[in-house]
Protein backbone atom coordinates (compact mmCIF):
# COMPACT_ATOMS: atom_id res chain seq x y z
CA MET A 1 42.88 14.91 -21.28
CA LEU A 2 39.75 16.15 -23.35
CA HIS A 3 38.67 12.55 -23.61
CA ARG A 4 39.38 11.57 -20.16
CA THR A 5 36.47 15.17 -19.08
CA ALA A 6 34.08 13.06 -21.61
CA ALA A 7 34.50 9.81 -20.75
CA ALA A 8 34.10 10.71 -17.43
CA ALA A 9 31.04 12.68 -17.60
CA LEU A 10 30.16 9.68 -19.43
CA ALA A 11 30.31 7.73 -16.76
CA LEU A 12 28.77 9.42 -14.15
CA THR A 13 25.66 10.67 -16.15
CA LEU A 14 25.50 6.45 -17.20
CA VAL A 15 25.86 5.97 -12.84
CA ALA A 16 22.90 8.37 -12.28
CA GLY A 17 20.81 6.98 -15.01
CA ILE A 18 21.01 3.48 -13.30
CA ALA A 19 20.05 4.60 -9.57
CA ALA A 20 17.44 6.59 -10.62
CA ARG A 21 15.77 3.66 -11.92
CA ALA A 22 16.49 1.54 -9.30
CA GLN A 23 14.96 4.49 -7.12
CA SER A 24 12.03 4.66 -9.40
CA ASP A 25 11.07 0.38 -9.07
CA LYS A 26 10.54 1.49 -5.50
CA LYS A 27 6.78 2.14 -4.75
CA ASP A 28 6.88 5.81 -3.82
CA TYR A 29 4.80 5.02 -0.27
CA LEU A 30 6.71 2.44 1.16
CA THR A 31 10.17 2.75 3.46
CA ASP A 32 13.02 0.85 2.00
CA THR A 33 12.43 -1.72 4.67
CA GLU A 34 8.86 -2.44 3.78
CA ALA A 35 9.78 -2.58 -0.13
CA ASP A 36 12.29 -5.64 1.45
CA LYS A 37 9.57 -6.90 3.02
CA ILE A 38 7.48 -7.29 0.32
CA ARG A 39 10.23 -8.39 -2.37
CA ASP A 40 11.22 -11.11 0.16
CA ALA A 41 8.14 -12.60 0.77
CA GLN A 42 7.64 -15.99 -0.13
CA THR A 43 4.00 -15.98 -1.38
CA PRO A 44 1.10 -13.49 -2.02
CA ALA A 45 -0.74 -14.25 0.61
CA ILE A 46 2.19 -13.00 2.97
CA ARG A 47 2.28 -9.60 0.88
CA ILE A 48 -1.07 -8.88 0.70
CA LYS A 49 -0.93 -9.23 4.80
CA LEU A 50 2.05 -7.32 4.67
CA TYR A 51 -0.34 -4.62 2.77
CA VAL A 52 -3.00 -5.03 5.04
CA SER A 53 -0.23 -4.33 8.00
CA PHE A 54 1.47 -1.25 5.80
CA ALA A 55 -2.18 0.09 5.83
CA ASP A 56 -2.54 -0.48 9.68
CA ASP A 57 0.49 1.36 10.15
CA ARG A 58 -0.77 4.27 7.95
CA ILE A 59 -3.94 4.68 9.49
CA GLN A 60 -2.35 4.73 13.23
CA LYS A 61 -0.02 7.44 12.22
CA LEU A 62 -2.57 8.99 10.86
CA LYS A 63 -4.71 8.90 14.14
CA TYR A 64 -1.71 10.20 16.23
CA GLU A 65 -1.13 12.61 13.15
CA LEU A 66 -4.13 14.52 13.54
CA ALA A 67 -4.77 14.43 17.24
CA HIS A 68 -1.71 15.97 18.27
CA PRO A 69 -2.47 19.22 15.95
CA ALA A 70 0.40 21.50 17.70
CA ASP A 71 2.58 20.26 15.38
CA SER A 72 1.46 22.42 11.92
CA ASN A 73 5.17 22.44 10.45
CA HIS A 74 3.76 20.97 7.00
CA ARG A 75 1.11 19.49 8.77
CA ALA A 76 -1.02 19.28 5.70
CA GLU A 77 1.98 16.98 3.61
CA ARG A 78 2.60 14.68 6.31
CA VAL A 79 -1.58 14.17 6.33
CA ASN A 80 -2.07 13.55 2.68
CA GLY A 81 1.13 11.56 2.59
CA LEU A 82 -0.27 8.97 4.70
CA ILE A 83 -3.86 9.12 3.40
CA ASN A 84 -2.00 8.66 -0.02
CA GLY A 85 0.08 5.89 1.53
CA TYR A 86 -2.82 3.94 2.96
CA GLY A 87 -4.34 4.05 -0.47
CA GLY A 88 -1.55 2.55 -1.93
CA CYS A 89 -0.89 -0.49 0.03
CA MET A 90 -4.98 -0.78 -0.48
CA ASP A 91 -4.31 -0.75 -4.29
CA ASP A 92 -1.91 -2.92 -4.12
CA ALA A 93 -3.42 -5.81 -1.20
CA ALA A 94 -5.99 -5.73 -4.15
CA ASP A 95 -3.87 -6.08 -7.02
CA LEU A 96 -2.07 -8.63 -5.48
CA ILE A 97 -5.94 -10.91 -5.17
CA ASP A 98 -6.26 -10.19 -8.74
CA LEU A 99 -3.61 -11.92 -9.86
CA GLY A 100 -3.74 -14.23 -7.54
CA VAL A 101 -7.20 -15.28 -8.05
CA ASP A 102 -6.31 -15.27 -12.27
CA LYS A 103 -3.42 -17.70 -11.34
CA GLN A 104 -5.40 -19.68 -9.03
CA GLN A 105 -2.92 -19.45 -6.59
CA ASP A 106 -3.41 -20.11 -2.02
CA ILE A 107 -4.63 -16.24 -0.98
CA ARG A 108 -7.35 -17.54 0.85
CA ASP A 109 -5.22 -16.14 4.53
CA GLY A 110 -4.62 -12.28 2.27
CA ILE A 111 -8.01 -12.23 1.83
CA LYS A 112 -9.11 -13.19 5.37
CA ALA A 113 -6.78 -10.63 6.58
CA LEU A 114 -8.07 -7.97 4.43
CA GLN A 115 -11.37 -8.61 5.21
CA ALA A 116 -10.98 -8.59 8.75
CA GLN A 117 -9.36 -5.30 8.86
CA ALA A 118 -10.68 -3.26 6.35
CA PRO A 119 -14.07 -2.32 8.18
CA ASP A 120 -12.32 -1.15 10.12
CA PHE A 121 -10.20 0.98 8.17
CA LEU A 122 -13.42 2.18 6.03
CA ALA A 123 -15.46 3.11 9.01
CA TYR A 124 -12.19 5.91 10.63
CA LEU A 125 -11.71 7.28 7.51
CA LYS A 126 -15.84 8.10 6.16
CA GLU A 127 -15.83 9.04 10.31
CA LEU A 128 -12.97 11.43 8.98
CA ARG A 129 -14.59 12.78 6.30
CA ASP A 130 -17.91 13.38 8.28
CA LYS A 131 -16.31 15.11 11.25
CA GLY A 132 -12.54 16.10 9.92
CA HIS A 133 -11.07 19.03 10.86
CA ASP A 134 -8.75 21.33 7.92
CA LEU A 135 -10.76 18.71 5.15
CA ASP A 136 -10.12 21.04 2.37
CA ASP A 137 -6.78 19.94 2.85
CA TYR A 138 -7.35 16.24 2.05
CA LYS A 139 -10.28 15.93 1.32
CA ASP A 140 -9.42 14.22 -2.61
CA ASN A 141 -6.85 11.70 -0.82
CA LEU A 142 -9.45 10.90 1.85
CA ASP A 143 -11.62 10.41 -1.10
CA ASP A 144 -10.04 7.86 -3.05
CA ALA A 145 -8.21 6.04 -0.05
CA ILE A 146 -11.98 5.73 0.95
CA ASP A 147 -12.85 4.18 -2.92
CA ALA A 148 -9.62 2.33 -2.51
CA THR A 149 -10.69 0.15 0.77
CA THR A 150 -14.28 0.36 -0.73
CA ASP A 151 -13.05 -1.54 -3.97
CA ALA A 152 -10.47 -3.28 -2.14
CA MET A 153 -13.04 -5.42 0.42
CA LYS A 154 -15.47 -5.84 -2.59
CA THR A 155 -12.34 -7.73 -4.36
CA ALA A 156 -11.94 -9.35 -1.60
CA ASP A 157 -15.01 -10.50 -1.33
CA ASP A 158 -15.24 -11.54 -4.95
CA ALA A 159 -12.42 -13.26 -4.94
CA ALA A 160 -13.14 -15.90 -1.56
CA THR A 161 -16.17 -16.59 -3.78
CA GLN A 162 -14.31 -17.66 -6.86
CA LEU A 163 -10.95 -19.21 -5.75
CA ALA A 164 -11.21 -22.91 -5.92
CA PRO A 165 -11.76 -24.52 -2.75
CA PRO A 166 -8.96 -25.81 -0.43
CA PRO A 167 -7.91 -29.46 -1.07
CA VAL A 168 -10.17 -31.88 1.32
CA ARG A 169 -6.95 -34.50 3.18
CA ARG A 170 -8.51 -37.94 3.47
CA LYS A 171 -7.85 -39.94 6.44
CA PRO A 172 -5.11 -42.93 5.10
C-alpha cells in the first residue's frame, strides 16, 4: 500500500512538472489563441504582422480602459498588464526582424506593417505620458513601452536598409 501511494505521488509530481513547463513555453502576455496563431504562422513576416496586430489590440484596449474610469477594481493592474503586453509584442516583433535579417528572410511585409503602425502607437503613448492621469500607477511600464516602440522602429528602419532587394522578375 505504501508503494502505491509513493508511486501515485511521484506520478502526480511528474505530471505537474510537465504541465508547468508547457505553460512556461507560452509568453505571459499572449492569450492561448494568440499563441496558437503565432505558432501556426508560416513565415516570419506573418509572425511580425501578428505581433503588430496584437500590439494594436493592446493599445485599443488601453484606450478603452482609460476612457472608462468608473471601473476602478484592479484598474492599475489591468492598465499595467496591457502596457506590458504591448511592450512584449513590440519587443518580439523587433526580435523577429533581427532574426529575419540575420537569416536573410523575406520579412519586408512585416517591416512595412510595423513601420506603418508604430509611429501612431508611439504618438499615443507619448501623449499618454504627457497628459495621463494616475500616471504614478503605470509610469515605469509606460516608459518601457515607449522605449520598446522606439527600439522596434529603429530595428525596422535598419532592417529595411540591410535586407537585400527583392529579386527582379524579368519578362521572358
